[in-house]
PDB file of all heavy atoms in Angstrom:
ATOM      1  N   GLN A   1      96.402  71.661  87.805  1.00  0.00           N
ATOM      2  CA  GLN A   1      95.068  72.203  87.644  1.00  0.00           C
ATOM      3  C   GLN A   1      94.366  71.562  86.412  1.00  0.00           C
ATOM      4  O   GLN A   1      93.160  71.161  86.518  1.00  0.00           O
ATOM      5  CB  GLN A   1      95.136  73.704  87.453  1.00  0.00           C
ATOM      6  CG  GLN A   1      93.823  74.429  87.380  1.00  0.00           C
ATOM      7  CD  GLN A   1      93.926  75.925  87.230  1.00  0.00           C
ATOM      8  OE1 GLN A   1      94.546  76.406  86.288  1.00  0.00           O
ATOM      9  NE2 GLN A   1      93.406  76.686  88.194  1.00  0.00           N
ATOM     10  N   ARG A   2      95.066  71.425  85.285  1.00  0.00           N
ATOM     11  CA  ARG A   2      94.532  70.771  84.109  1.00  0.00           C
ATOM     12  C   ARG A   2      94.140  69.316  84.415  1.00  0.00           C
ATOM     13  O   ARG A   2      93.150  68.837  83.940  1.00  0.00           O
ATOM     14  CB  ARG A   2      95.524  70.840  82.956  1.00  0.00           C
ATOM     15  CG  ARG A   2      95.705  72.212  82.350  1.00  0.00           C
ATOM     16  CD  ARG A   2      96.386  72.102  80.978  1.00  0.00           C
ATOM     17  NE  ARG A   2      97.620  71.325  81.011  1.00  0.00           N
ATOM     18  CZ  ARG A   2      98.840  71.882  81.315  1.00  0.00           C
ATOM     19  NH1 ARG A   2      98.918  73.152  81.632  1.00  0.00           N
ATOM     20  NH2 ARG A   2      99.897  71.150  81.331  1.00  0.00           N
ATOM     21  N   TRP A   3      94.945  68.668  85.249  1.00  0.00           N
ATOM     22  CA  TRP A   3      94.730  67.304  85.533  1.00  0.00           C
ATOM     23  C   TRP A   3      93.557  67.107  86.531  1.00  0.00           C
ATOM     24  O   TRP A   3      92.957  66.044  86.565  1.00  0.00           O
ATOM     25  CB  TRP A   3      96.017  66.670  86.134  1.00  0.00           C
ATOM     26  CG  TRP A   3      95.947  65.186  86.289  1.00  0.00           C
ATOM     27  CD1 TRP A   3      96.057  64.237  85.308  1.00  0.00           C
ATOM     28  CD2 TRP A   3      95.733  64.473  87.517  1.00  0.00           C
ATOM     29  NE1 TRP A   3      95.946  62.940  85.849  1.00  0.00           N
ATOM     30  CE2 TRP A   3      95.727  63.109  87.199  1.00  0.00           C
ATOM     31  CE3 TRP A   3      95.490  64.896  88.821  1.00  0.00           C
ATOM     32  CZ2 TRP A   3      95.527  62.129  88.136  1.00  0.00           C
ATOM     33  CZ3 TRP A   3      95.300  63.883  89.824  1.00  0.00           C
ATOM     34  CH2 TRP A   3      95.379  62.506  89.487  1.00  0.00           C
ATOM     35  N   GLY A   4      93.275  68.139  87.303  1.00  0.00           N
ATOM     36  CA  GLY A   4      92.095  68.080  88.111  1.00  0.00           C
ATOM     37  C   GLY A   4      92.306  68.106  89.624  1.00  0.00           C
ATOM     38  O   GLY A   4      91.331  67.899  90.378  1.00  0.00           O
ATOM     39  N   ILE A   5      93.528  68.416  90.104  1.00  0.00           N
ATOM     40  CA  ILE A   5      93.661  68.579  91.553  1.00  0.00           C
ATOM     41  C   ILE A   5      92.912  69.868  91.946  1.00  0.00           C
ATOM     42  O   ILE A   5      93.128  70.941  91.394  1.00  0.00           O
ATOM     43  CB  ILE A   5      95.203  68.691  91.907  1.00  0.00           C
ATOM     44  CG1 ILE A   5      95.810  67.290  91.670  1.00  0.00           C
ATOM     45  CG2 ILE A   5      95.367  69.109  93.357  1.00  0.00           C
ATOM     46  CD1 ILE A   5      97.282  67.268  91.994  1.00  0.00           C
ATOM     47  N   HIS A   6      92.111  69.728  93.001  1.00  0.00           N
ATOM     48  CA  HIS A   6      91.155  70.768  93.303  1.00  0.00           C
ATOM     49  C   HIS A   6      91.823  71.953  94.078  1.00  0.00           C
ATOM     50  O   HIS A   6      91.522  73.100  93.742  1.00  0.00           O
ATOM     51  CB  HIS A   6      90.060  70.201  94.149  1.00  0.00           C
ATOM     52  CG  HIS A   6      88.913  71.153  94.440  1.00  0.00           C
ATOM     53  ND1 HIS A   6      88.091  71.641  93.466  1.00  0.00           N
ATOM     54  CD2 HIS A   6      88.507  71.792  95.595  1.00  0.00           C
ATOM     55  CE1 HIS A   6      87.215  72.494  93.954  1.00  0.00           C
ATOM     56  NE2 HIS A   6      87.468  72.574  95.265  1.00  0.00           N
ATOM     57  N   TYR A   7      92.635  71.647  95.022  1.00  0.00           N
ATOM     58  CA  TYR A   7      93.226  72.705  95.859  1.00  0.00           C
ATOM     59  C   TYR A   7      94.681  72.973  95.460  1.00  0.00           C
ATOM     60  O   TYR A   7      95.486  72.063  95.511  1.00  0.00           O
ATOM     61  CB  TYR A   7      93.155  72.397  97.363  1.00  0.00           C
ATOM     62  CG  TYR A   7      91.693  72.223  97.860  1.00  0.00           C
ATOM     63  CD1 TYR A   7      91.099  70.978  97.950  1.00  0.00           C
ATOM     64  CD2 TYR A   7      90.947  73.343  98.218  1.00  0.00           C
ATOM     65  CE1 TYR A   7      89.834  70.819  98.423  1.00  0.00           C
ATOM     66  CE2 TYR A   7      89.693  73.224  98.687  1.00  0.00           C
ATOM     67  CZ  TYR A   7      89.101  71.962  98.805  1.00  0.00           C
ATOM     68  OH  TYR A   7      87.809  71.779  99.246  1.00  0.00           O
ATOM     69  N   LEU A   8      94.980  74.195  95.085  1.00  0.00           N
ATOM     70  CA  LEU A   8      96.317  74.590  94.644  1.00  0.00           C
ATOM     71  C   LEU A   8      96.805  75.798  95.361  1.00  0.00           C
ATOM     72  O   LEU A   8      96.038  76.781  95.545  1.00  0.00           O
ATOM     73  CB  LEU A   8      96.311  74.852  93.141  1.00  0.00           C
ATOM     74  CG  LEU A   8      95.789  73.664  92.285  1.00  0.00           C
ATOM     75  CD1 LEU A   8      95.456  74.148  90.878  1.00  0.00           C
ATOM     76  CD2 LEU A   8      96.850  72.523  92.176  1.00  0.00           C
ATOM     77  N   LEU A   9      98.077  75.808  95.771  1.00  0.00           N
ATOM     78  CA  LEU A   9      98.596  76.912  96.525  1.00  0.00           C
ATOM     79  C   LEU A   9     100.050  77.137  96.085  1.00  0.00           C
ATOM     80  O   LEU A   9     100.862  76.246  95.992  1.00  0.00           O
ATOM     81  CB  LEU A   9      98.570  76.560  98.043  1.00  0.00           C
ATOM     82  CG  LEU A   9      98.796  77.671  99.032  1.00  0.00           C
ATOM     83  CD1 LEU A   9      97.686  78.729  98.883  1.00  0.00           C
ATOM     84  CD2 LEU A   9      98.860  77.119 100.406  1.00  0.00           C
ATOM     85  N   ALA A  10     100.330  78.435  95.775  1.00  0.00           N
ATOM     86  CA  ALA A  10     101.670  78.816  95.287  1.00  0.00           C
ATOM     87  C   ALA A  10     102.521  79.354  96.467  1.00  0.00           C
ATOM     88  O   ALA A  10     101.985  79.860  97.471  1.00  0.00           O
ATOM     89  CB  ALA A  10     101.580  79.912  94.214  1.00  0.00           C
ATOM     90  N   ILE A  11     103.817  79.282  96.278  1.00  0.00           N
ATOM     91  CA  ILE A  11     104.773  79.866  97.221  1.00  0.00           C
ATOM     92  C   ILE A  11     105.298  81.167  96.605  1.00  0.00           C
ATOM     93  O   ILE A  11     105.876  81.170  95.536  1.00  0.00           O
ATOM     94  CB  ILE A  11     105.951  78.918  97.504  1.00  0.00           C
ATOM     95  CG1 ILE A  11     105.420  77.629  98.212  1.00  0.00           C
ATOM     96  CG2 ILE A  11     107.011  79.586  98.393  1.00  0.00           C
ATOM     97  CD1 ILE A  11     104.870  77.831  99.589  1.00  0.00           C
ATOM     98  N   HIS A  12     105.121  82.260  97.332  1.00  0.00           N
ATOM     99  CA  HIS A  12     105.539  83.555  96.815  1.00  0.00           C
ATOM    100  C   HIS A  12     106.988  83.845  97.050  1.00  0.00           C
ATOM    101  O   HIS A  12     107.608  84.694  96.349  1.00  0.00           O
ATOM    102  CB  HIS A  12     104.771  84.697  97.511  1.00  0.00           C
ATOM    103  CG  HIS A  12     103.318  84.722  97.122  1.00  0.00           C
ATOM    104  ND1 HIS A  12     102.867  84.547  95.801  1.00  0.00           N
ATOM    105  CD2 HIS A  12     102.195  84.918  97.841  1.00  0.00           C
ATOM    106  CE1 HIS A  12     101.555  84.651  95.801  1.00  0.00           C
ATOM    107  NE2 HIS A  12     101.106  84.848  97.024  1.00  0.00           N
ATOM    108  N   HIS A  13     107.666  83.182  98.051  1.00  0.00           N
ATOM    109  CA  HIS A  13     109.056  83.585  98.374  1.00  0.00           C
ATOM    110  C   HIS A  13     109.902  82.302  98.470  1.00  0.00           C
ATOM    111  O   HIS A  13     110.380  81.973  99.553  1.00  0.00           O
ATOM    112  CB  HIS A  13     109.028  84.332  99.712  1.00  0.00           C
ATOM    113  CG  HIS A  13     110.231  85.210  99.898  1.00  0.00           C
ATOM    114  ND1 HIS A  13     110.395  86.000 101.009  1.00  0.00           N
ATOM    115  CD2 HIS A  13     111.344  85.395  99.124  1.00  0.00           C
ATOM    116  CE1 HIS A  13     111.566  86.643 100.920  1.00  0.00           C
ATOM    117  NE2 HIS A  13     112.137  86.314  99.796  1.00  0.00           N
ATOM    118  N   PRO A  14     110.151  81.671  97.298  1.00  0.00           N
ATOM    119  CA  PRO A  14     110.892  80.361  97.363  1.00  0.00           C
ATOM    120  C   PRO A  14     112.376  80.490  97.714  1.00  0.00           C
ATOM    121  O   PRO A  14     112.957  79.628  98.295  1.00  0.00           O
ATOM    122  CB  PRO A  14     110.690  79.838  95.956  1.00  0.00           C
ATOM    123  CG  PRO A  14     110.465  81.041  95.093  1.00  0.00           C
ATOM    124  CD  PRO A  14     109.678  81.981  96.006  1.00  0.00           C
ATOM    125  N   ASP A  15     113.005  81.671  97.362  1.00  0.00           N
ATOM    126  CA  ASP A  15     114.432  81.891  97.615  1.00  0.00           C
ATOM    127  C   ASP A  15     114.534  82.991  98.579  1.00  0.00           C
ATOM    128  O   ASP A  15     114.226  84.140  98.335  1.00  0.00           O
ATOM    129  CB  ASP A  15     115.119  82.225  96.257  1.00  0.00           C
ATOM    130  CG  ASP A  15     116.607  82.448  96.416  1.00  0.00           C
ATOM    131  OD1 ASP A  15     117.093  82.768  97.504  1.00  0.00           O
ATOM    132  OD2 ASP A  15     117.316  82.245  95.397  1.00  0.00           O
ATOM    133  N   SER A  16     115.117  82.708  99.781  1.00  0.00           N
ATOM    134  CA  SER A  16     115.231  83.715 100.857  1.00  0.00           C
ATOM    135  C   SER A  16     116.133  84.860 100.478  1.00  0.00           C
ATOM    136  O   SER A  16     116.053  85.920 101.121  1.00  0.00           O
ATOM    137  CB  SER A  16     115.743  83.033 102.136  1.00  0.00           C
ATOM    138  OG  SER A  16     117.071  82.512 101.966  1.00  0.00           O
ATOM    139  N   GLU A  17     117.037  84.708  99.461  1.00  0.00           N
ATOM    140  CA  GLU A  17     117.948  85.735  99.120  1.00  0.00           C
ATOM    141  C   GLU A  17     117.430  86.569  97.905  1.00  0.00           C
ATOM    142  O   GLU A  17     118.175  87.465  97.452  1.00  0.00           O
ATOM    143  CB  GLU A  17     119.296  85.083  98.724  1.00  0.00           C
ATOM    144  CG  GLU A  17     119.952  84.287  99.822  1.00  0.00           C
ATOM    145  CD  GLU A  17     120.331  85.191 101.021  1.00  0.00           C
ATOM    146  OE1 GLU A  17     120.870  86.280 100.757  1.00  0.00           O
ATOM    147  OE2 GLU A  17     120.108  84.764 102.146  1.00  0.00           O
ATOM    148  N   ARG A  18     116.240  86.289  97.454  1.00  0.00           N
ATOM    149  CA  ARG A  18     115.677  87.037  96.347  1.00  0.00           C
ATOM    150  C   ARG A  18     114.353  87.661  96.726  1.00  0.00           C
ATOM    151  O   ARG A  18     113.743  87.279  97.736  1.00  0.00           O
ATOM    152  CB  ARG A  18     115.508  86.157  95.119  1.00  0.00           C
ATOM    153  CG  ARG A  18     116.789  85.577  94.524  1.00  0.00           C
ATOM    154  CD  ARG A  18     116.535  84.893  93.238  1.00  0.00           C
ATOM    155  NE  ARG A  18     117.774  84.458  92.622  1.00  0.00           N
ATOM    156  CZ  ARG A  18     117.856  84.020  91.338  1.00  0.00           C
ATOM    157  NH1 ARG A  18     116.771  83.943  90.590  1.00  0.00           N
ATOM    158  NH2 ARG A  18     119.017  83.676  90.868  1.00  0.00           N
ATOM    159  N   GLU A  19     113.913  88.565  95.914  1.00  0.00           N
ATOM    160  CA  GLU A  19     112.619  89.225  96.150  1.00  0.00           C
ATOM    161  C   GLU A  19     111.468  88.218  95.930  1.00  0.00           C
ATOM    162  O   GLU A  19     111.591  87.296  95.098  1.00  0.00           O
ATOM    163  CB  GLU A  19     112.431  90.416  95.211  1.00  0.00           C
ATOM    164  CG  GLU A  19     113.325  91.572  95.512  1.00  0.00           C
ATOM    165  CD  GLU A  19     113.098  92.160  96.867  1.00  0.00           C
ATOM    166  OE1 GLU A  19     111.948  92.409  97.247  1.00  0.00           O
ATOM    167  OE2 GLU A  19     114.097  92.365  97.612  1.00  0.00           O
ATOM    168  N   PRO A  20     110.363  88.390  96.657  1.00  0.00           N
ATOM    169  CA  PRO A  20     109.220  87.503  96.459  1.00  0.00           C
ATOM    170  C   PRO A  20     108.682  87.590  95.002  1.00  0.00           C
ATOM    171  O   PRO A  20     108.892  88.566  94.319  1.00  0.00           O
ATOM    172  CB  PRO A  20     108.170  88.049  97.430  1.00  0.00           C
ATOM    173  CG  PRO A  20     108.954  88.745  98.470  1.00  0.00           C
ATOM    174  CD  PRO A  20     110.148  89.305  97.730  1.00  0.00           C
ATOM    175  N   ILE A  21     108.025  86.503  94.553  1.00  0.00           N
ATOM    176  CA  ILE A  21     107.460  86.432  93.250  1.00  0.00           C
ATOM    177  C   ILE A  21     106.031  86.973  93.257  1.00  0.00           C
ATOM    178  O   ILE A  21     105.240  86.634  94.117  1.00  0.00           O
ATOM    179  CB  ILE A  21     107.445  84.984  92.729  1.00  0.00           C
ATOM    180  CG1 ILE A  21     108.882  84.459  92.641  1.00  0.00           C
ATOM    181  CG2 ILE A  21     106.696  84.841  91.412  1.00  0.00           C
ATOM    182  CD1 ILE A  21     108.952  82.994  92.384  1.00  0.00           C
ATOM    183  N   SER A  22     105.701  87.837  92.311  1.00  0.00           N
ATOM    184  CA  SER A  22     104.370  88.402  92.238  1.00  0.00           C
ATOM    185  C   SER A  22     103.569  87.701  91.144  1.00  0.00           C
ATOM    186  O   SER A  22     104.000  87.636  90.009  1.00  0.00           O
ATOM    187  CB  SER A  22     104.440  89.915  91.943  1.00  0.00           C
ATOM    188  OG  SER A  22     103.164  90.430  91.798  1.00  0.00           O
ATOM    189  N   GLN A  23     102.455  87.131  91.570  1.00  0.00           N
ATOM    190  CA  GLN A  23     101.566  86.476  90.597  1.00  0.00           C
ATOM    191  C   GLN A  23     100.137  86.446  91.200  1.00  0.00           C
ATOM    192  O   GLN A  23      99.988  86.442  92.402  1.00  0.00           O
ATOM    193  CB  GLN A  23     102.024  85.029  90.306  1.00  0.00           C
ATOM    194  CG  GLN A  23     102.060  84.083  91.451  1.00  0.00           C
ATOM    195  CD  GLN A  23     100.729  83.371  91.647  1.00  0.00           C
ATOM    196  OE1 GLN A  23      99.961  83.181  90.718  1.00  0.00           O
ATOM    197  NE2 GLN A  23     100.485  83.021  92.924  1.00  0.00           N
ATOM    198  N   ASP A  24      99.157  86.414  90.319  1.00  0.00           N
ATOM    199  CA  ASP A  24      97.788  86.407  90.795  1.00  0.00           C
ATOM    200  C   ASP A  24      96.988  85.241  90.184  1.00  0.00           C
ATOM    201  O   ASP A  24      95.751  85.249  90.227  1.00  0.00           O
ATOM    202  CB  ASP A  24      97.048  87.724  90.557  1.00  0.00           C
ATOM    203  CG  ASP A  24      97.079  88.154  89.100  1.00  0.00           C
ATOM    204  OD1 ASP A  24      97.423  87.312  88.239  1.00  0.00           O
ATOM    205  OD2 ASP A  24      96.762  89.348  88.826  1.00  0.00           O
ATOM    206  N   GLN A  25      97.708  84.295  89.597  1.00  0.00           N
ATOM    207  CA  GLN A  25      97.052  83.199  88.929  1.00  0.00           C
ATOM    208  C   GLN A  25      96.506  82.156  89.979  1.00  0.00           C
ATOM    209  O   GLN A  25      95.458  81.578  89.768  1.00  0.00           O
ATOM    210  CB  GLN A  25      98.010  82.515  87.983  1.00  0.00           C
ATOM    211  CG  GLN A  25      97.392  81.403  87.119  1.00  0.00           C
ATOM    212  CD  GLN A  25      98.408  80.898  86.103  1.00  0.00           C
ATOM    213  OE1 GLN A  25      99.511  81.407  85.920  1.00  0.00           O
ATOM    214  NE2 GLN A  25      98.010  79.830  85.419  1.00  0.00           N
ATOM    215  N   PHE A  26      97.267  81.997  91.043  1.00  0.00           N
ATOM    216  CA  PHE A  26      96.921  81.025  92.104  1.00  0.00           C
ATOM    217  C   PHE A  26      96.997  81.704  93.447  1.00  0.00           C
ATOM    218  O   PHE A  26      97.811  82.570  93.673  1.00  0.00           O
ATOM    219  CB  PHE A  26      97.850  79.832  92.097  1.00  0.00           C
ATOM    220  CG  PHE A  26      97.822  78.993  90.799  1.00  0.00           C
ATOM    221  CD1 PHE A  26      98.746  79.207  89.838  1.00  0.00           C
ATOM    222  CD2 PHE A  26      96.815  78.045  90.593  1.00  0.00           C
ATOM    223  CE1 PHE A  26      98.722  78.479  88.663  1.00  0.00           C
ATOM    224  CE2 PHE A  26      96.754  77.319  89.451  1.00  0.00           C
ATOM    225  CZ  PHE A  26      97.716  77.494  88.464  1.00  0.00           C
ATOM    226  N   PRO A  27      96.115  81.306  94.371  1.00  0.00           N
ATOM    227  CA  PRO A  27      96.311  81.790  95.756  1.00  0.00           C
ATOM    228  C   PRO A  27      97.678  81.305  96.262  1.00  0.00           C
ATOM    229  O   PRO A  27      98.192  80.298  95.841  1.00  0.00           O
ATOM    230  CB  PRO A  27      95.161  81.092  96.535  1.00  0.00           C
ATOM    231  CG  PRO A  27      94.808  79.940  95.707  1.00  0.00           C
ATOM    232  CD  PRO A  27      95.055  80.295  94.296  1.00  0.00           C
ATOM    233  N   GLY A  28      98.275  82.126  97.139  1.00  0.00           N
ATOM    234  CA  GLY A  28      99.605  81.774  97.603  1.00  0.00           C
ATOM    235  C   GLY A  28      99.941  82.308  98.950  1.00  0.00           C
ATOM    236  O   GLY A  28      99.169  83.050  99.601  1.00  0.00           O
ATOM    237  N   ILE A  29     101.074  81.864  99.437  1.00  0.00           N
ATOM    238  CA  ILE A  29     101.545  82.279 100.762  1.00  0.00           C
ATOM    239  C   ILE A  29     103.059  82.619 100.657  1.00  0.00           C
ATOM    240  O   ILE A  29     103.719  82.201  99.714  1.00  0.00           O
ATOM    241  CB  ILE A  29     101.416  81.159 101.847  1.00  0.00           C
ATOM    242  CG1 ILE A  29     102.139  79.877 101.425  1.00  0.00           C
ATOM    243  CG2 ILE A  29      99.922  80.893 102.122  1.00  0.00           C
ATOM    244  CD1 ILE A  29     102.264  78.847 102.503  1.00  0.00           C
ATOM    245  N   HIS A  30     103.536  83.419 101.571  1.00  0.00           N
ATOM    246  CA  HIS A  30     104.943  83.653 101.669  1.00  0.00           C
ATOM    247  C   HIS A  30     105.638  82.581 102.533  1.00  0.00           C
ATOM    248  O   HIS A  30     106.635  82.027 102.153  1.00  0.00           O
ATOM    249  CB  HIS A  30     105.231  85.085 102.237  1.00  0.00           C
ATOM    250  CG  HIS A  30     104.966  86.172 101.274  1.00  0.00           C
ATOM    251  ND1 HIS A  30     103.743  86.652 101.035  1.00  0.00           N
ATOM    252  CD2 HIS A  30     105.827  86.850 100.439  1.00  0.00           C
ATOM    253  CE1 HIS A  30     103.771  87.611 100.131  1.00  0.00           C
ATOM    254  NE2 HIS A  30     105.059  87.752  99.727  1.00  0.00           N
ATOM    255  N   HIS A  31     105.062  82.344 103.708  1.00  0.00           N
ATOM    256  CA  HIS A  31     105.616  81.349 104.619  1.00  0.00           C
ATOM    257  C   HIS A  31     104.519  80.514 105.258  1.00  0.00           C
ATOM    258  O   HIS A  31     103.331  80.922 105.283  1.00  0.00           O
ATOM    259  CB  HIS A  31     106.480  82.004 105.717  1.00  0.00           C
ATOM    260  CG  HIS A  31     107.568  82.818 105.145  1.00  0.00           C
ATOM    261  ND1 HIS A  31     108.549  82.296 104.311  1.00  0.00           N
ATOM    262  CD2 HIS A  31     107.954  84.068 105.333  1.00  0.00           C
ATOM    263  CE1 HIS A  31     109.404  83.195 103.994  1.00  0.00           C
ATOM    264  NE2 HIS A  31     109.124  84.315 104.635  1.00  0.00           N
ATOM    265  N   PHE A  32     104.840  79.377 105.802  1.00  0.00           N
ATOM    266  CA  PHE A  32     103.872  78.409 106.262  1.00  0.00           C
ATOM    267  C   PHE A  32     103.154  78.815 107.559  1.00  0.00           C
ATOM    268  O   PHE A  32     102.168  78.171 107.963  1.00  0.00           O
ATOM    269  CB  PHE A  32     104.480  77.049 106.435  1.00  0.00           C
ATOM    270  CG  PHE A  32     104.642  76.351 105.103  1.00  0.00           C
ATOM    271  CD1 PHE A  32     105.860  76.353 104.419  1.00  0.00           C
ATOM    272  CD2 PHE A  32     103.570  75.655 104.533  1.00  0.00           C
ATOM    273  CE1 PHE A  32     105.966  75.709 103.186  1.00  0.00           C
ATOM    274  CE2 PHE A  32     103.702  75.033 103.321  1.00  0.00           C
ATOM    275  CZ  PHE A  32     104.899  75.038 102.671  1.00  0.00           C
ATOM    276  N   ASP A  33     103.644  79.837 108.224  1.00  0.00           N
ATOM    277  CA  ASP A  33     102.935  80.292 109.409  1.00  0.00           C
ATOM    278  C   ASP A  33     101.547  80.800 109.050  1.00  0.00           C
ATOM    279  O   ASP A  33     100.614  80.864 109.898  1.00  0.00           O
ATOM    280  CB  ASP A  33     103.698  81.348 110.209  1.00  0.00           C
ATOM    281  CG  ASP A  33     104.082  82.579 109.365  1.00  0.00           C
ATOM    282  OD1 ASP A  33     104.169  82.429 108.129  1.00  0.00           O
ATOM    283  OD2 ASP A  33     104.196  83.644 109.902  1.00  0.00           O
ATOM    284  N   GLU A  34     101.390  81.191 107.777  1.00  0.00           N
ATOM    285  CA  GLU A  34     100.051  81.654 107.279  1.00  0.00           C
ATOM    286  C   GLU A  34      99.042  80.494 107.276  1.00  0.00           C
ATOM    287  O   GLU A  34      97.838  80.757 107.262  1.00  0.00           O
ATOM    288  CB  GLU A  34     100.165  82.298 105.932  1.00  0.00           C
ATOM    289  CG  GLU A  34     101.087  83.508 105.832  1.00  0.00           C
ATOM    290  CD  GLU A  34     101.374  83.989 104.463  1.00  0.00           C
ATOM    291  OE1 GLU A  34     100.397  84.100 103.703  1.00  0.00           O
ATOM    292  OE2 GLU A  34     102.541  84.169 104.119  1.00  0.00           O
ATOM    293  N   LEU A  35      99.548  79.228 107.177  1.00  0.00           N
ATOM    294  CA  LEU A  35      98.645  78.095 107.177  1.00  0.00           C
ATOM    295  C   LEU A  35      98.499  77.429 108.527  1.00  0.00           C
ATOM    296  O   LEU A  35      97.470  76.801 108.755  1.00  0.00           O
ATOM    297  CB  LEU A  35      99.150  77.080 106.167  1.00  0.00           C
ATOM    298  CG  LEU A  35      99.159  77.483 104.665  1.00  0.00           C
ATOM    299  CD1 LEU A  35      99.681  76.328 103.838  1.00  0.00           C
ATOM    300  CD2 LEU A  35      97.788  77.920 104.224  1.00  0.00           C
ATOM    301  N   ILE A  36      99.501  77.562 109.373  1.00  0.00           N
ATOM    302  CA  ILE A  36      99.447  76.895 110.650  1.00  0.00           C
ATOM    303  C   ILE A  36      98.263  77.370 111.463  1.00  0.00           C
ATOM    304  O   ILE A  36      97.546  76.540 112.097  1.00  0.00           O
ATOM    305  CB  ILE A  36     100.731  77.108 111.442  1.00  0.00           C
ATOM    306  CG1 ILE A  36     101.921  76.388 110.737  1.00  0.00           C
ATOM    307  CG2 ILE A  36     100.623  76.605 112.867  1.00  0.00           C
ATOM    308  CD1 ILE A  36     103.258  76.733 111.323  1.00  0.00           C
ATOM    309  N   PHE A  37      97.937  78.663 111.410  1.00  0.00           N
ATOM    310  CA  PHE A  37      96.796  79.186 112.165  1.00  0.00           C
ATOM    311  C   PHE A  37      95.484  78.518 111.684  1.00  0.00           C
ATOM    312  O   PHE A  37      94.706  78.105 112.476  1.00  0.00           O
ATOM    313  CB  PHE A  37      96.725  80.704 111.959  1.00  0.00           C
ATOM    314  CG  PHE A  37      95.617  81.353 112.687  1.00  0.00           C
ATOM    315  CD1 PHE A  37      95.720  81.607 114.056  1.00  0.00           C
ATOM    316  CD2 PHE A  37      94.423  81.728 112.071  1.00  0.00           C
ATOM    317  CE1 PHE A  37      94.717  82.170 114.801  1.00  0.00           C
ATOM    318  CE2 PHE A  37      93.428  82.299 112.781  1.00  0.00           C
ATOM    319  CZ  PHE A  37      93.544  82.587 114.136  1.00  0.00           C
ATOM    320  N   ASP A  38      95.321  78.423 110.366  1.00  0.00           N
ATOM    321  CA  ASP A  38      94.109  77.791 109.795  1.00  0.00           C
ATOM    322  C   ASP A  38      94.027  76.304 110.230  1.00  0.00           C
ATOM    323  O   ASP A  38      92.942  75.845 110.628  1.00  0.00           O
ATOM    324  CB  ASP A  38      94.094  77.842 108.294  1.00  0.00           C
ATOM    325  CG  ASP A  38      93.971  79.281 107.769  1.00  0.00           C
ATOM    326  OD1 ASP A  38      93.461  80.132 108.540  1.00  0.00           O
ATOM    327  OD2 ASP A  38      94.302  79.506 106.580  1.00  0.00           O
ATOM    328  N   SER A  39      95.090  75.603 110.175  1.00  0.00           N
ATOM    329  CA  SER A  39      95.104  74.169 110.472  1.00  0.00           C
ATOM    330  C   SER A  39      94.863  73.961 111.965  1.00  0.00           C
ATOM    331  O   SER A  39      94.227  72.982 112.371  1.00  0.00           O
ATOM    332  CB  SER A  39      96.402  73.527 110.012  1.00  0.00           C
ATOM    333  OG  SER A  39      97.535  74.173 110.517  1.00  0.00           O
ATOM    334  N   GLN A  40      95.404  74.830 112.791  1.00  0.00           N
ATOM    335  CA  GLN A  40      95.134  74.667 114.215  1.00  0.00           C
ATOM    336  C   GLN A  40      93.681  74.929 114.534  1.00  0.00           C
ATOM    337  O   GLN A  40      93.131  74.289 115.421  1.00  0.00           O
ATOM    338  CB  GLN A  40      96.050  75.611 114.999  1.00  0.00           C
ATOM    339  CG  GLN A  40      97.525  75.166 115.035  1.00  0.00           C
ATOM    340  CD  GLN A  40      98.426  76.150 115.729  1.00  0.00           C
ATOM    341  OE1 GLN A  40      98.094  77.315 115.893  1.00  0.00           O
ATOM    342  NE2 GLN A  40      99.558  75.659 116.168  1.00  0.00           N
ATOM    343  N   ASP A  41      93.062  75.858 113.803  1.00  0.00           N
ATOM    344  CA  ASP A  41      91.615  76.079 113.985  1.00  0.00           C
ATOM    345  C   ASP A  41      90.858  74.812 113.636  1.00  0.00           C
ATOM    346  O   ASP A  41      89.895  74.425 114.323  1.00  0.00           O
ATOM    347  CB  ASP A  41      91.137  77.247 113.077  1.00  0.00           C
ATOM    348  CG  ASP A  41      91.374  78.549 113.666  1.00  0.00           C
ATOM    349  OD1 ASP A  41      91.791  78.621 114.866  1.00  0.00           O
ATOM    350  OD2 ASP A  41      91.152  79.606 112.998  1.00  0.00           O
ATOM    351  N   ALA A  42      91.252  74.133 112.562  1.00  0.00           N
ATOM    352  CA  ALA A  42      90.602  72.906 112.161  1.00  0.00           C
ATOM    353  C   ALA A  42      90.778  71.829 113.219  1.00  0.00           C
ATOM    354  O   ALA A  42      89.845  71.059 113.525  1.00  0.00           O
ATOM    355  CB  ALA A  42      91.196  72.399 110.837  1.00  0.00           C
ATOM    356  N   ALA A  43      91.923  71.774 113.814  1.00  0.00           N
ATOM    357  CA  ALA A  43      92.166  70.782 114.879  1.00  0.00           C
ATOM    358  C   ALA A  43      91.277  71.071 116.098  1.00  0.00           C
ATOM    359  O   ALA A  43      90.760  70.164 116.724  1.00  0.00           O
ATOM    360  CB  ALA A  43      93.658  70.790 115.287  1.00  0.00           C
ATOM    361  N   ASP A  44      91.118  72.368 116.399  1.00  0.00           N
ATOM    362  CA  ASP A  44      90.261  72.717 117.541  1.00  0.00           C
ATOM    363  C   ASP A  44      88.798  72.350 117.294  1.00  0.00           C
ATOM    364  O   ASP A  44      88.113  71.864 118.177  1.00  0.00           O
ATOM    365  CB  ASP A  44      90.372  74.233 117.809  1.00  0.00           C
ATOM    366  CG  ASP A  44      91.759  74.640 118.318  1.00  0.00           C
ATOM    367  OD1 ASP A  44      92.464  73.742 118.816  1.00  0.00           O
ATOM    368  OD2 ASP A  44      92.074  75.833 118.242  1.00  0.00           O
TER     369      ASP A  44
END
């Protein structure tokens, strides 16, 4: 972010054997199915 990359996305659940990480500094997702829907809309 300091360097200037415009779009940033965090992963909330990096370790499947641990509890998800709670943070509100960056937008985030738990799993990539949350993005597939958006990207398929773009393809359409």
